[in-house]
Amino acid sequence: MGEISSATTLLQAWRDGDRSALDRLVPLVYSELRRMAGAYIRNEHSSQTLEPTALVHEAYLRLVGTSDPDFTNRAHFLAIAARVMRQILVGRARARNANKRNAGLRVPLEDDLILTGQRASLVISLDDALLELEKQDAEKAKILELKYFGGLTAEDSAELLDVSVHKINRQMRLAQAWLRRELETQYTKQ
């Protein structure tokens, strides 16, 4: 519990203008950031050259560049870090896959395995689908992002969004069903 309260204290100090607080925060959350990055990289296309450490460092540089850090707690910080990592990977996937999309690509959404064996086009398709869901239901989109790109548990997501774990689980099931339909529709159009 001390690590979580320390992280929250450092986030508040950073928000209050102490730029060195982020430097003290990163060692407290580095292993979790590295775990998230490692999961992303393991699930990336084989042509992915970015290492987990490099992904964490690139995300760190973007977070440091934030002009108005407004993180409320450790879970919120990790959610933002997940979004930054998502943006980095999607940007790299879009660059790699600028002129091609793979028709008929299977869309795995296992509970504990995020994007097994996916290609750059699947990362892009997932991002596009999440952006579409966000227009319709921002909460469900956020829950999916926290799970698939942030690796957050239902408990962490519930804490971050200030809702019950039961609601997170229910919304997750509905969001995953919507996502499967959306991705299947995208691939049948191609």
N, C-alpha and C. Protein backbone atom coordinates (compact mmCIF):
# COMPACT_ATOMS: atom_id res chain seq x y z
N MET A 1 0.82 -1.19 0.00
CA MET A 1 0.00 0.00 0.00
C MET A 1 0.86 1.25 0.00
N GLY A 2 2.06 1.17 0.60
CA GLY A 2 2.96 2.32 0.65
C GLY A 2 3.38 2.78 -0.72
N GLU A 3 3.63 1.81 -1.64
CA GLU A 3 4.03 2.17 -3.00
C GLU A 3 2.92 2.92 -3.72
N ILE A 4 1.68 2.50 -3.51
CA ILE A 4 0.55 3.17 -4.17
C ILE A 4 0.37 4.58 -3.63
N SER A 5 0.44 4.75 -2.29
CA SER A 5 0.28 6.09 -1.73
C SER A 5 1.47 6.98 -2.09
N SER A 6 2.68 6.40 -2.18
CA SER A 6 3.84 7.17 -2.61
C SER A 6 3.67 7.64 -4.05
N ALA A 7 3.16 6.75 -4.90
CA ALA A 7 2.92 7.12 -6.30
C ALA A 7 1.92 8.25 -6.38
N THR A 8 0.87 8.17 -5.61
CA THR A 8 -0.15 9.23 -5.61
C THR A 8 0.44 10.55 -5.13
N THR A 9 1.26 10.50 -4.09
CA THR A 9 1.92 11.71 -3.57
C THR A 9 2.82 12.33 -4.62
N LEU A 10 3.59 11.49 -5.31
CA LEU A 10 4.49 12.00 -6.35
C LEU A 10 3.71 12.57 -7.54
N LEU A 11 2.60 11.94 -7.88
CA LEU A 11 1.77 12.47 -8.96
C LEU A 11 1.21 13.84 -8.59
N GLN A 12 0.81 13.98 -7.34
CA GLN A 12 0.31 15.29 -6.89
C GLN A 12 1.42 16.34 -6.92
N ALA A 13 2.62 15.95 -6.53
CA ALA A 13 3.75 16.88 -6.55
C ALA A 13 4.07 17.28 -7.99
N TRP A 14 4.02 16.33 -8.90
CA TRP A 14 4.27 16.63 -10.31
C TRP A 14 3.21 17.60 -10.84
N ARG A 15 1.95 17.32 -10.50
CA ARG A 15 0.84 18.18 -10.91
C ARG A 15 1.02 19.59 -10.34
N ASP A 16 1.61 19.68 -9.16
CA ASP A 16 1.82 20.99 -8.51
C ASP A 16 3.08 21.69 -9.00
N GLY A 17 3.76 21.10 -10.00
CA GLY A 17 4.89 21.79 -10.60
C GLY A 17 6.26 21.22 -10.30
N ASP A 18 6.35 20.19 -9.49
CA ASP A 18 7.64 19.58 -9.18
C ASP A 18 8.01 18.60 -10.30
N ARG A 19 8.78 19.05 -11.28
CA ARG A 19 9.12 18.24 -12.44
C ARG A 19 9.97 17.01 -12.05
N SER A 20 10.70 17.11 -10.95
CA SER A 20 11.53 15.97 -10.54
C SER A 20 10.69 14.84 -9.93
N ALA A 21 9.43 15.13 -9.60
CA ALA A 21 8.58 14.10 -9.01
C ALA A 21 8.37 12.93 -9.99
N LEU A 22 8.30 13.24 -11.28
CA LEU A 22 8.14 12.18 -12.26
C LEU A 22 9.35 11.25 -12.26
N ASP A 23 10.54 11.84 -12.10
CA ASP A 23 11.75 11.02 -12.05
C ASP A 23 11.74 10.07 -10.84
N ARG A 24 11.14 10.51 -9.76
CA ARG A 24 11.04 9.66 -8.57
C ARG A 24 9.88 8.67 -8.69
N LEU A 25 8.87 9.03 -9.50
CA LEU A 25 7.70 8.16 -9.68
C LEU A 25 8.03 6.95 -10.55
N VAL A 26 8.76 7.17 -11.61
CA VAL A 26 9.00 6.10 -12.59
C VAL A 26 9.56 4.83 -11.95
N PRO A 27 10.55 4.92 -11.05
CA PRO A 27 11.02 3.66 -10.44
C PRO A 27 9.91 2.90 -9.68
N LEU A 28 8.92 3.63 -9.17
CA LEU A 28 7.83 2.97 -8.45
C LEU A 28 6.89 2.22 -9.38
N VAL A 29 6.76 2.69 -10.61
CA VAL A 29 5.82 2.07 -11.54
C VAL A 29 6.52 1.43 -12.74
N TYR A 30 7.85 1.49 -12.76
CA TYR A 30 8.60 1.01 -13.92
C TYR A 30 8.32 -0.45 -14.23
N SER A 31 8.30 -1.31 -13.23
CA SER A 31 8.09 -2.74 -13.50
C SER A 31 6.73 -2.98 -14.14
N GLU A 32 5.72 -2.24 -13.71
CA GLU A 32 4.40 -2.39 -14.31
C GLU A 32 4.38 -1.85 -15.74
N LEU A 33 5.03 -0.71 -15.96
CA LEU A 33 5.13 -0.15 -17.31
C LEU A 33 5.89 -1.12 -18.22
N ARG A 34 6.96 -1.71 -17.70
CA ARG A 34 7.77 -2.66 -18.48
C ARG A 34 6.97 -3.91 -18.80
N ARG A 35 6.16 -4.37 -17.84
CA ARG A 35 5.30 -5.54 -18.08
C ARG A 35 4.29 -5.24 -19.18
N MET A 36 3.66 -4.06 -19.11
CA MET A 36 2.70 -3.66 -20.14
C MET A 36 3.39 -3.59 -21.50
N ALA A 37 4.54 -2.94 -21.56
CA ALA A 37 5.27 -2.79 -22.81
C ALA A 37 5.69 -4.16 -23.35
N GLY A 38 6.15 -5.03 -22.46
CA GLY A 38 6.55 -6.37 -22.87
C GLY A 38 5.40 -7.14 -23.49
N ALA A 39 4.21 -7.01 -22.92
CA ALA A 39 3.04 -7.68 -23.48
C ALA A 39 2.72 -7.14 -24.86
N TYR A 40 2.79 -5.83 -25.02
CA TYR A 40 2.53 -5.23 -26.34
C TYR A 40 3.52 -5.74 -27.37
N ILE A 41 4.80 -5.71 -27.02
CA ILE A 41 5.86 -6.07 -27.96
C ILE A 41 5.78 -7.56 -28.31
N ARG A 42 5.54 -8.41 -27.32
CA ARG A 42 5.42 -9.85 -27.60
C ARG A 42 4.29 -10.11 -28.59
N ASN A 43 3.25 -9.30 -28.52
CA ASN A 43 2.09 -9.51 -29.37
C ASN A 43 2.15 -8.74 -30.68
N GLU A 44 3.23 -8.03 -30.89
CA GLU A 44 3.39 -7.24 -32.11
C GLU A 44 3.86 -8.12 -33.26
N HIS A 45 3.71 -7.62 -34.45
CA HIS A 45 4.16 -8.28 -35.67
C HIS A 45 5.66 -8.56 -35.57
N SER A 46 6.12 -9.61 -36.19
CA SER A 46 7.54 -9.98 -36.08
C SER A 46 8.48 -8.91 -36.63
N SER A 47 7.98 -8.01 -37.47
CA SER A 47 8.83 -6.95 -37.99
C SER A 47 8.98 -5.80 -37.00
N GLN A 48 8.31 -5.89 -35.87
CA GLN A 48 8.40 -4.84 -34.85
C GLN A 48 9.81 -4.82 -34.29
N THR A 49 10.46 -3.69 -34.36
CA THR A 49 11.84 -3.59 -33.89
C THR A 49 11.94 -2.87 -32.55
N LEU A 50 10.86 -2.37 -32.06
CA LEU A 50 10.86 -1.64 -30.80
C LEU A 50 10.95 -2.63 -29.64
N GLU A 51 11.87 -2.41 -28.74
CA GLU A 51 12.02 -3.24 -27.54
C GLU A 51 11.14 -2.68 -26.43
N PRO A 52 10.72 -3.53 -25.47
CA PRO A 52 9.88 -3.03 -24.37
C PRO A 52 10.50 -1.83 -23.64
N THR A 53 11.79 -1.90 -23.38
CA THR A 53 12.45 -0.80 -22.69
C THR A 53 12.34 0.48 -23.50
N ALA A 54 12.52 0.37 -24.81
CA ALA A 54 12.42 1.56 -25.68
C ALA A 54 11.00 2.11 -25.68
N LEU A 55 10.00 1.21 -25.66
CA LEU A 55 8.61 1.66 -25.61
C LEU A 55 8.33 2.40 -24.31
N VAL A 56 8.82 1.87 -23.19
CA VAL A 56 8.65 2.55 -21.90
C VAL A 56 9.34 3.91 -21.94
N HIS A 57 10.54 3.96 -22.49
CA HIS A 57 11.28 5.23 -22.53
C HIS A 57 10.60 6.25 -23.44
N GLU A 58 10.07 5.79 -24.58
CA GLU A 58 9.37 6.71 -25.47
C GLU A 58 8.09 7.23 -24.79
N ALA A 59 7.39 6.35 -24.11
CA ALA A 59 6.19 6.77 -23.38
C ALA A 59 6.58 7.76 -22.27
N TYR A 60 7.67 7.47 -21.57
CA TYR A 60 8.15 8.36 -20.51
C TYR A 60 8.43 9.76 -21.07
N LEU A 61 9.11 9.81 -22.22
CA LEU A 61 9.43 11.11 -22.83
C LEU A 61 8.16 11.89 -23.18
N ARG A 62 7.16 11.17 -23.66
CA ARG A 62 5.89 11.85 -23.97
C ARG A 62 5.19 12.32 -22.70
N LEU A 63 5.24 11.50 -21.65
CA LEU A 63 4.61 11.89 -20.39
C LEU A 63 5.32 13.08 -19.76
N VAL A 64 6.64 13.08 -19.83
CA VAL A 64 7.42 14.20 -19.30
C VAL A 64 7.07 15.48 -20.05
N GLY A 65 6.80 15.34 -21.33
CA GLY A 65 6.46 16.50 -22.15
C GLY A 65 5.06 17.02 -21.91
N THR A 66 4.29 16.36 -21.08
CA THR A 66 2.94 16.80 -20.78
C THR A 66 3.00 18.14 -20.06
N SER A 67 2.34 19.13 -20.64
CA SER A 67 2.41 20.47 -20.06
C SER A 67 1.55 20.61 -18.80
N ASP A 68 0.49 19.84 -18.72
CA ASP A 68 -0.41 19.96 -17.57
C ASP A 68 -0.77 18.58 -17.04
N PRO A 69 0.16 17.93 -16.33
CA PRO A 69 -0.13 16.58 -15.83
C PRO A 69 -1.25 16.63 -14.79
N ASP A 70 -2.29 15.85 -15.03
CA ASP A 70 -3.43 15.87 -14.13
C ASP A 70 -3.82 14.44 -13.77
N PHE A 71 -2.86 13.72 -13.20
CA PHE A 71 -3.09 12.34 -12.82
C PHE A 71 -3.57 12.30 -11.38
N THR A 72 -4.66 11.59 -11.14
CA THR A 72 -5.22 11.57 -9.80
C THR A 72 -4.62 10.49 -8.90
N ASN A 73 -4.21 9.37 -9.51
CA ASN A 73 -3.64 8.29 -8.71
C ASN A 73 -2.83 7.36 -9.62
N ARG A 74 -2.26 6.33 -9.04
CA ARG A 74 -1.41 5.40 -9.77
C ARG A 74 -2.16 4.74 -10.92
N ALA A 75 -3.38 4.30 -10.69
CA ALA A 75 -4.16 3.64 -11.75
C ALA A 75 -4.42 4.60 -12.91
N HIS A 76 -4.71 5.85 -12.59
CA HIS A 76 -4.94 6.86 -13.63
C HIS A 76 -3.66 7.08 -14.44
N PHE A 77 -2.54 7.17 -13.77
CA PHE A 77 -1.25 7.34 -14.46
C PHE A 77 -0.99 6.16 -15.39
N LEU A 78 -1.22 4.93 -14.90
CA LEU A 78 -0.99 3.75 -15.73
C LEU A 78 -1.95 3.72 -16.92
N ALA A 79 -3.16 4.19 -16.73
CA ALA A 79 -4.12 4.25 -17.84
C ALA A 79 -3.64 5.22 -18.90
N ILE A 80 -3.13 6.37 -18.48
CA ILE A 80 -2.60 7.35 -19.43
C ILE A 80 -1.36 6.78 -20.11
N ALA A 81 -0.50 6.12 -19.36
CA ALA A 81 0.68 5.50 -19.95
C ALA A 81 0.27 4.45 -20.97
N ALA A 82 -0.78 3.69 -20.68
CA ALA A 82 -1.28 2.70 -21.63
C ALA A 82 -1.75 3.37 -22.90
N ARG A 83 -2.44 4.49 -22.77
CA ARG A 83 -2.91 5.22 -23.94
C ARG A 83 -1.72 5.73 -24.77
N VAL A 84 -0.71 6.23 -24.09
CA VAL A 84 0.48 6.72 -24.80
C VAL A 84 1.16 5.57 -25.54
N MET A 85 1.30 4.41 -24.88
CA MET A 85 1.91 3.26 -25.54
C MET A 85 1.06 2.83 -26.73
N ARG A 86 -0.25 2.86 -26.56
CA ARG A 86 -1.15 2.53 -27.67
C ARG A 86 -0.90 3.47 -28.83
N GLN A 87 -0.81 4.75 -28.57
CA GLN A 87 -0.58 5.74 -29.63
C GLN A 87 0.75 5.49 -30.33
N ILE A 88 1.77 5.16 -29.57
CA ILE A 88 3.08 4.88 -30.16
C ILE A 88 3.00 3.67 -31.08
N LEU A 89 2.41 2.59 -30.59
CA LEU A 89 2.34 1.36 -31.39
C LEU A 89 1.42 1.52 -32.59
N VAL A 90 0.31 2.20 -32.43
CA VAL A 90 -0.60 2.41 -33.55
C VAL A 90 0.08 3.28 -34.60
N GLY A 91 0.78 4.31 -34.15
CA GLY A 91 1.51 5.17 -35.09
C GLY A 91 2.54 4.39 -35.88
N ARG A 92 3.26 3.53 -35.20
CA ARG A 92 4.27 2.70 -35.89
C ARG A 92 3.59 1.70 -36.82
N ALA A 93 2.45 1.13 -36.40
CA ALA A 93 1.73 0.18 -37.25
C ALA A 93 1.19 0.88 -38.49
N ARG A 94 0.65 2.07 -38.32
CA ARG A 94 0.14 2.82 -39.47
C ARG A 94 1.27 3.13 -40.45
N ALA A 95 2.41 3.49 -39.93
CA ALA A 95 3.54 3.78 -40.80
C ALA A 95 3.98 2.53 -41.56
N ARG A 96 4.02 1.38 -40.88
CA ARG A 96 4.42 0.12 -41.51
C ARG A 96 3.40 -0.36 -42.52
N ASN A 97 2.15 -0.04 -42.27
CA ASN A 97 1.07 -0.63 -43.03
C ASN A 97 0.31 0.42 -43.83
N ALA A 98 0.98 1.44 -44.27
CA ALA A 98 0.34 2.59 -44.89
C ALA A 98 -0.55 2.22 -46.07
N ASN A 99 -0.17 1.27 -46.87
CA ASN A 99 -0.93 0.99 -48.09
C ASN A 99 -1.55 -0.40 -48.16
N LYS A 100 -1.56 -1.10 -47.05
CA LYS A 100 -2.14 -2.44 -47.14
C LYS A 100 -2.88 -2.82 -45.88
N ARG A 101 -3.94 -3.56 -46.07
CA ARG A 101 -4.70 -4.16 -44.99
C ARG A 101 -4.95 -5.60 -45.37
N ASN A 102 -4.91 -6.48 -44.40
CA ASN A 102 -5.09 -7.90 -44.70
C ASN A 102 -6.55 -8.29 -44.55
N ALA A 103 -7.17 -8.66 -45.65
CA ALA A 103 -8.56 -9.12 -45.62
C ALA A 103 -8.63 -10.50 -44.99
N GLY A 104 -9.69 -10.76 -44.31
CA GLY A 104 -9.92 -12.07 -43.74
C GLY A 104 -9.09 -12.39 -42.53
N LEU A 105 -8.43 -11.43 -41.94
CA LEU A 105 -7.61 -11.68 -40.76
C LEU A 105 -8.49 -12.05 -39.58
N ARG A 106 -8.16 -13.13 -38.91
CA ARG A 106 -8.91 -13.55 -37.72
C ARG A 106 -8.64 -12.59 -36.59
N VAL A 107 -9.65 -12.35 -35.76
CA VAL A 107 -9.54 -11.37 -34.69
C VAL A 107 -9.63 -12.07 -33.34
N PRO A 108 -8.49 -12.38 -32.72
CA PRO A 108 -8.52 -13.06 -31.42
C PRO A 108 -8.73 -12.05 -30.30
N LEU A 109 -9.68 -12.34 -29.41
CA LEU A 109 -9.91 -11.46 -28.26
C LEU A 109 -10.04 -12.31 -27.00
N GLU A 110 -9.09 -13.20 -26.81
CA GLU A 110 -9.13 -14.02 -25.61
C GLU A 110 -9.01 -13.12 -24.39
N ASP A 111 -9.54 -13.59 -23.28
CA ASP A 111 -9.56 -12.79 -22.07
C ASP A 111 -8.17 -12.42 -21.58
N ASP A 112 -7.23 -13.37 -21.63
CA ASP A 112 -5.92 -13.11 -21.05
C ASP A 112 -4.84 -12.88 -22.09
N LEU A 113 -5.19 -12.89 -23.34
CA LEU A 113 -4.20 -12.72 -24.39
C LEU A 113 -4.68 -11.61 -25.30
N ILE A 114 -3.96 -10.54 -25.36
CA ILE A 114 -4.44 -9.31 -25.97
C ILE A 114 -4.51 -9.40 -27.49
N LEU A 115 -3.39 -9.49 -28.16
CA LEU A 115 -3.38 -9.45 -29.62
C LEU A 115 -2.44 -10.51 -30.17
N THR A 116 -2.66 -11.73 -29.80
CA THR A 116 -1.75 -12.81 -30.16
C THR A 116 -1.53 -12.88 -31.67
N GLY A 117 -0.26 -12.81 -32.07
CA GLY A 117 0.09 -13.03 -33.45
C GLY A 117 -0.51 -12.03 -34.42
N GLN A 118 -0.93 -10.91 -33.94
CA GLN A 118 -1.58 -9.95 -34.83
C GLN A 118 -0.60 -9.27 -35.74
N ARG A 119 -1.10 -8.66 -36.76
CA ARG A 119 -0.30 -7.88 -37.68
C ARG A 119 -0.60 -6.42 -37.45
N ALA A 120 0.18 -5.57 -38.09
CA ALA A 120 -0.01 -4.13 -37.95
C ALA A 120 -1.44 -3.74 -38.28
N SER A 121 -2.04 -4.40 -39.27
CA SER A 121 -3.40 -4.05 -39.65
C SER A 121 -4.40 -4.32 -38.53
N LEU A 122 -4.15 -5.34 -37.72
CA LEU A 122 -5.06 -5.63 -36.60
C LEU A 122 -4.95 -4.55 -35.54
N VAL A 123 -3.74 -4.08 -35.27
CA VAL A 123 -3.57 -2.99 -34.30
C VAL A 123 -4.33 -1.76 -34.78
N ILE A 124 -4.21 -1.47 -36.07
CA ILE A 124 -4.91 -0.31 -36.65
C ILE A 124 -6.41 -0.52 -36.59
N SER A 125 -6.87 -1.72 -36.95
CA SER A 125 -8.30 -2.01 -36.92
C SER A 125 -8.87 -1.91 -35.50
N LEU A 126 -8.11 -2.42 -34.54
CA LEU A 126 -8.56 -2.33 -33.15
C LEU A 126 -8.63 -0.88 -32.70
N ASP A 127 -7.64 -0.09 -33.06
CA ASP A 127 -7.66 1.33 -32.72
C ASP A 127 -8.85 2.02 -33.38
N ASP A 128 -9.09 1.75 -34.66
CA ASP A 128 -10.23 2.36 -35.36
C ASP A 128 -11.54 1.98 -34.69
N ALA A 129 -11.67 0.71 -34.33
CA ALA A 129 -12.89 0.24 -33.68
C ALA A 129 -13.07 0.91 -32.32
N LEU A 130 -12.00 1.05 -31.55
CA LEU A 130 -12.10 1.71 -30.25
C LEU A 130 -12.51 3.17 -30.41
N LEU A 131 -11.99 3.82 -31.44
CA LEU A 131 -12.39 5.22 -31.69
C LEU A 131 -13.87 5.30 -32.03
N GLU A 132 -14.37 4.34 -32.80
CA GLU A 132 -15.80 4.31 -33.14
C GLU A 132 -16.64 4.03 -31.89
N LEU A 133 -16.23 3.08 -31.09
CA LEU A 133 -16.96 2.78 -29.85
C LEU A 133 -16.96 3.98 -28.92
N GLU A 134 -15.86 4.71 -28.89
CA GLU A 134 -15.76 5.89 -28.03
C GLU A 134 -16.84 6.92 -28.38
N LYS A 135 -17.19 7.02 -29.66
CA LYS A 135 -18.25 7.94 -30.09
C LYS A 135 -19.61 7.49 -29.55
N GLN A 136 -19.80 6.18 -29.45
CA GLN A 136 -21.08 5.62 -29.03
C GLN A 136 -21.18 5.43 -27.52
N ASP A 137 -20.08 4.99 -26.93
CA ASP A 137 -20.08 4.69 -25.49
C ASP A 137 -18.65 4.81 -24.97
N ALA A 138 -18.32 6.00 -24.50
CA ALA A 138 -16.96 6.29 -24.06
C ALA A 138 -16.51 5.39 -22.92
N GLU A 139 -17.43 5.05 -22.02
CA GLU A 139 -17.05 4.21 -20.89
C GLU A 139 -16.62 2.82 -21.34
N LYS A 140 -17.37 2.21 -22.24
CA LYS A 140 -17.00 0.87 -22.73
C LYS A 140 -15.67 0.94 -23.48
N ALA A 141 -15.47 1.99 -24.26
CA ALA A 141 -14.21 2.13 -24.99
C ALA A 141 -13.05 2.25 -24.01
N LYS A 142 -13.22 3.00 -22.96
CA LYS A 142 -12.18 3.17 -21.95
C LYS A 142 -11.87 1.84 -21.27
N ILE A 143 -12.90 1.07 -20.95
CA ILE A 143 -12.71 -0.22 -20.30
C ILE A 143 -11.90 -1.16 -21.20
N LEU A 144 -12.24 -1.19 -22.49
CA LEU A 144 -11.47 -2.03 -23.43
C LEU A 144 -10.03 -1.55 -23.54
N GLU A 145 -9.84 -0.25 -23.63
CA GLU A 145 -8.48 0.28 -23.74
C GLU A 145 -7.66 -0.08 -22.50
N LEU A 146 -8.27 0.07 -21.33
CA LEU A 146 -7.55 -0.25 -20.10
C LEU A 146 -7.15 -1.72 -20.05
N LYS A 147 -8.02 -2.59 -20.55
CA LYS A 147 -7.72 -4.02 -20.53
C LYS A 147 -6.72 -4.40 -21.61
N TYR A 148 -7.03 -4.07 -22.87
CA TYR A 148 -6.22 -4.55 -23.98
C TYR A 148 -4.93 -3.78 -24.18
N PHE A 149 -4.93 -2.50 -23.89
CA PHE A 149 -3.71 -1.73 -24.08
C PHE A 149 -3.02 -1.39 -22.76
N GLY A 150 -3.77 -1.41 -21.67
CA GLY A 150 -3.17 -1.08 -20.40
C GLY A 150 -2.88 -2.28 -19.52
N GLY A 151 -3.50 -3.40 -19.85
CA GLY A 151 -3.30 -4.60 -19.06
C GLY A 151 -3.87 -4.49 -17.65
N LEU A 152 -4.78 -3.53 -17.43
CA LEU A 152 -5.35 -3.34 -16.10
C LEU A 152 -6.37 -4.44 -15.81
N THR A 153 -6.44 -4.84 -14.58
CA THR A 153 -7.43 -5.82 -14.15
C THR A 153 -8.77 -5.13 -14.00
N ALA A 154 -9.81 -5.92 -13.84
CA ALA A 154 -11.15 -5.36 -13.60
C ALA A 154 -11.14 -4.53 -12.32
N GLU A 155 -10.39 -4.98 -11.32
CA GLU A 155 -10.32 -4.25 -10.06
C GLU A 155 -9.64 -2.89 -10.25
N ASP A 156 -8.52 -2.86 -11.00
CA ASP A 156 -7.84 -1.60 -11.27
C ASP A 156 -8.73 -0.65 -12.06
N SER A 157 -9.41 -1.19 -13.06
CA SER A 157 -10.31 -0.37 -13.88
C SER A 157 -11.46 0.18 -13.04
N ALA A 158 -12.00 -0.65 -12.16
CA ALA A 158 -13.09 -0.21 -11.29
C ALA A 158 -12.63 0.94 -10.39
N GLU A 159 -11.42 0.81 -9.84
CA GLU A 159 -10.87 1.88 -9.00
C GLU A 159 -10.68 3.16 -9.80
N LEU A 160 -10.11 3.03 -10.98
CA LEU A 160 -9.85 4.19 -11.81
C LEU A 160 -11.13 4.89 -12.22
N LEU A 161 -12.13 4.12 -12.63
CA LEU A 161 -13.38 4.70 -13.13
C LEU A 161 -14.41 4.93 -12.03
N ASP A 162 -14.07 4.52 -10.80
CA ASP A 162 -14.94 4.71 -9.65
C ASP A 162 -16.31 4.05 -9.84
N VAL A 163 -16.26 2.79 -10.26
CA VAL A 163 -17.46 1.98 -10.42
C VAL A 163 -17.19 0.61 -9.82
N SER A 164 -18.21 -0.23 -9.74
CA SER A 164 -18.01 -1.56 -9.16
C SER A 164 -17.32 -2.50 -10.14
N VAL A 165 -16.66 -3.50 -9.59
CA VAL A 165 -16.01 -4.52 -10.41
C VAL A 165 -17.07 -5.26 -11.23
N HIS A 166 -18.23 -5.48 -10.63
CA HIS A 166 -19.33 -6.14 -11.34
C HIS A 166 -19.71 -5.35 -12.59
N LYS A 167 -19.81 -4.04 -12.45
CA LYS A 167 -20.15 -3.20 -13.61
C LYS A 167 -19.06 -3.27 -14.68
N ILE A 168 -17.80 -3.26 -14.25
CA ILE A 168 -16.69 -3.37 -15.20
C ILE A 168 -16.80 -4.68 -15.98
N ASN A 169 -17.02 -5.78 -15.29
CA ASN A 169 -17.12 -7.09 -15.93
C ASN A 169 -18.29 -7.14 -16.91
N ARG A 170 -19.44 -6.59 -16.50
CA ARG A 170 -20.62 -6.57 -17.36
C ARG A 170 -20.36 -5.72 -18.61
N GLN A 171 -19.82 -4.52 -18.40
CA GLN A 171 -19.53 -3.62 -19.52
C GLN A 171 -18.47 -4.24 -20.44
N MET A 172 -17.51 -4.94 -19.86
CA MET A 172 -16.47 -5.58 -20.66
C MET A 172 -17.08 -6.63 -21.59
N ARG A 173 -17.97 -7.45 -21.07
CA ARG A 173 -18.61 -8.47 -21.91
C ARG A 173 -19.36 -7.82 -23.07
N LEU A 174 -20.13 -6.78 -22.78
CA LEU A 174 -20.88 -6.08 -23.83
C LEU A 174 -19.93 -5.42 -24.84
N ALA A 175 -18.89 -4.79 -24.34
CA ALA A 175 -17.94 -4.11 -25.21
C ALA A 175 -17.19 -5.10 -26.10
N GLN A 176 -16.81 -6.25 -25.54
CA GLN A 176 -16.11 -7.26 -26.34
C GLN A 176 -17.01 -7.81 -27.44
N ALA A 177 -18.29 -8.01 -27.13
CA ALA A 177 -19.23 -8.48 -28.15
C ALA A 177 -19.35 -7.43 -29.27
N TRP A 178 -19.47 -6.18 -28.90
CA TRP A 178 -19.55 -5.10 -29.89
C TRP A 178 -18.27 -5.06 -30.73
N LEU A 179 -17.13 -5.18 -30.07
CA LEU A 179 -15.85 -5.11 -30.75
C LEU A 179 -15.69 -6.25 -31.76
N ARG A 180 -16.07 -7.46 -31.35
CA ARG A 180 -15.98 -8.59 -32.28
C ARG A 180 -16.82 -8.34 -33.53
N ARG A 181 -18.07 -7.88 -33.32
CA ARG A 181 -18.94 -7.59 -34.47
C ARG A 181 -18.33 -6.51 -35.35
N GLU A 182 -17.81 -5.46 -34.74
CA GLU A 182 -17.24 -4.35 -35.49
C GLU A 182 -16.03 -4.80 -36.31
N LEU A 183 -15.15 -5.55 -35.72
CA LEU A 183 -13.96 -6.01 -36.43
C LEU A 183 -14.32 -7.00 -37.54
N GLU A 184 -15.27 -7.87 -37.26
CA GLU A 184 -15.71 -8.80 -38.31
C GLU A 184 -16.33 -8.04 -39.48
N THR A 185 -17.10 -6.99 -39.18
CA THR A 185 -17.70 -6.16 -40.22
C THR A 185 -16.63 -5.46 -41.04
N GLN A 186 -15.62 -4.94 -40.37
CA GLN A 186 -14.51 -4.28 -41.07
C GLN A 186 -13.86 -5.23 -42.07
N TYR A 187 -13.64 -6.47 -41.66
CA TYR A 187 -12.95 -7.42 -42.52
C TYR A 187 -13.83 -7.97 -43.62
N THR A 188 -15.13 -8.02 -43.42
CA THR A 188 -16.00 -8.49 -44.51
C THR A 188 -16.18 -7.41 -45.57
N LYS A 189 -15.97 -6.15 -45.22
CA LYS A 189 -16.05 -5.05 -46.19
C LYS A 189 -14.84 -5.00 -47.09
N GLN A 190 -13.73 -5.59 -46.66
CA GLN A 190 -12.47 -5.50 -47.43
C GLN A 190 -12.42 -6.51 -48.55
